[in-house]
């Protein structure tokens, strides 16, 4: 599977590198390997979550990523929007 990242996260990584070079070292050319290093550090946008049964006589499920609540399991967390996978995966 491809490692997907958000376009804005990649732009932010390049801007962070550009700002660091301009503020810390003065103006200079950015080497492509430095840009690739910063883009590779961007976390994958393909994060997934799992539903956790609340238990203790509490109905529903909790998202393991944000703690959002749902009365039933759904394909996406209604709070943070992350894609949920089966607990058997």
Protein backbone atom coordinates (compact mmCIF):
# COMPACT_ATOMS: atom_id res chain seq x y z
CA UNK A 1 0.00 0.00 0.00
CA UNK A 2 1.17 3.51 -0.77
CA UNK A 3 2.04 5.78 2.12
CA UNK A 4 -0.36 8.69 1.78
CA UNK A 5 0.27 12.14 3.25
CA UNK A 6 -1.77 15.31 3.15
CA UNK A 7 -0.64 17.90 0.62
CA UNK A 8 -0.74 20.66 3.25
CA UNK A 9 1.45 18.60 5.60
CA UNK A 10 4.08 18.28 2.85
CA UNK A 11 3.91 22.02 2.15
CA UNK A 12 4.25 22.75 5.87
CA UNK A 13 7.32 20.48 6.07
CA UNK A 14 9.02 22.31 3.19
CA UNK A 15 8.12 25.70 4.70
CA UNK A 16 9.57 24.58 8.05
CA UNK A 17 12.84 23.63 6.34
CA UNK A 18 12.88 26.90 4.39
CA UNK A 19 12.26 28.95 7.55
CA UNK A 20 14.97 27.07 9.45
CA UNK A 21 17.53 27.67 6.71
CA UNK A 22 16.65 31.34 6.29
CA UNK A 23 16.57 32.14 10.03
CA UNK A 24 19.43 29.98 11.28
CA UNK A 25 21.89 29.99 8.42
CA UNK A 26 21.00 32.92 6.22
CA UNK A 27 19.87 32.50 2.66
CA UNK A 28 21.20 29.44 0.87
CA UNK A 29 20.07 26.81 -1.61
CA UNK A 30 18.10 23.86 -0.23
CA UNK A 31 19.43 20.48 -1.27
CA UNK A 32 16.79 18.05 -2.56
CA UNK A 33 17.87 15.41 -0.02
CA UNK A 34 16.95 17.80 2.81
CA UNK A 35 13.50 18.36 1.29
CA UNK A 36 12.98 14.61 0.90
CA UNK A 37 14.06 14.06 4.52
CA UNK A 38 11.50 16.58 5.80
CA UNK A 39 8.69 15.19 3.63
CA UNK A 40 9.51 11.63 4.75
CA UNK A 41 9.09 12.81 8.35
CA UNK A 42 5.44 13.77 7.69
CA UNK A 43 3.21 11.14 9.32
CA UNK A 44 0.98 9.00 7.13
CA UNK A 45 -2.57 10.25 6.54
CA UNK A 46 -3.75 6.65 6.55
CA UNK A 47 -4.03 6.32 10.30
CA UNK A 48 -6.79 4.06 11.56
CA UNK A 49 -8.54 3.62 14.85
CA UNK A 50 -10.41 0.91 16.71
CA UNK A 51 -13.57 0.95 18.73
CA UNK A 52 -13.22 0.05 22.42
CA UNK A 53 -16.27 -1.20 24.32
CA UNK A 54 -16.92 1.16 27.22
CA UNK A 55 -18.00 -1.61 29.63
CA UNK A 56 -18.87 -1.11 33.31
CA UNK A 57 -22.58 -0.85 32.44
CA UNK A 58 -21.89 2.06 30.06
CA UNK A 59 -23.36 1.63 26.61
CA UNK A 60 -21.47 2.33 23.42
CA UNK A 61 -17.93 2.48 22.18
CA UNK A 62 -14.94 4.81 22.50
CA UNK A 63 -12.48 5.74 19.71
CA UNK A 64 -8.96 4.67 20.71
CA UNK A 65 -7.48 7.72 18.92
CA UNK A 66 -9.52 10.65 20.26
CA UNK A 67 -11.79 9.18 22.94
CA UNK A 68 -14.90 10.10 20.93
CA UNK A 69 -18.10 8.23 21.79
CA UNK A 70 -20.58 6.33 19.62
CA UNK A 71 -23.54 4.19 20.59
CA UNK A 72 -22.58 1.69 17.89
CA UNK A 73 -19.56 0.90 15.77
CA UNK A 74 -19.35 2.91 12.58
CA UNK A 75 -16.79 2.93 9.72
CA UNK A 76 -15.52 6.37 10.82
CA UNK A 77 -15.31 8.10 14.20
CA UNK A 78 -17.98 10.83 14.33
CA UNK A 79 -15.66 12.96 16.49
CA UNK A 80 -12.27 12.91 14.70
CA UNK A 81 -13.21 11.33 11.35
CA UNK A 82 -10.51 8.64 11.47
CA UNK A 83 -11.27 5.39 9.59
CA UNK A 84 -12.06 2.61 12.03
CA UNK A 85 -10.88 -0.96 11.50
CA UNK A 86 -12.24 -4.16 12.97
CA UNK A 87 -10.74 -5.24 16.28
CA UNK A 88 -9.98 -8.55 14.52
CA UNK A 89 -7.59 -6.86 12.02
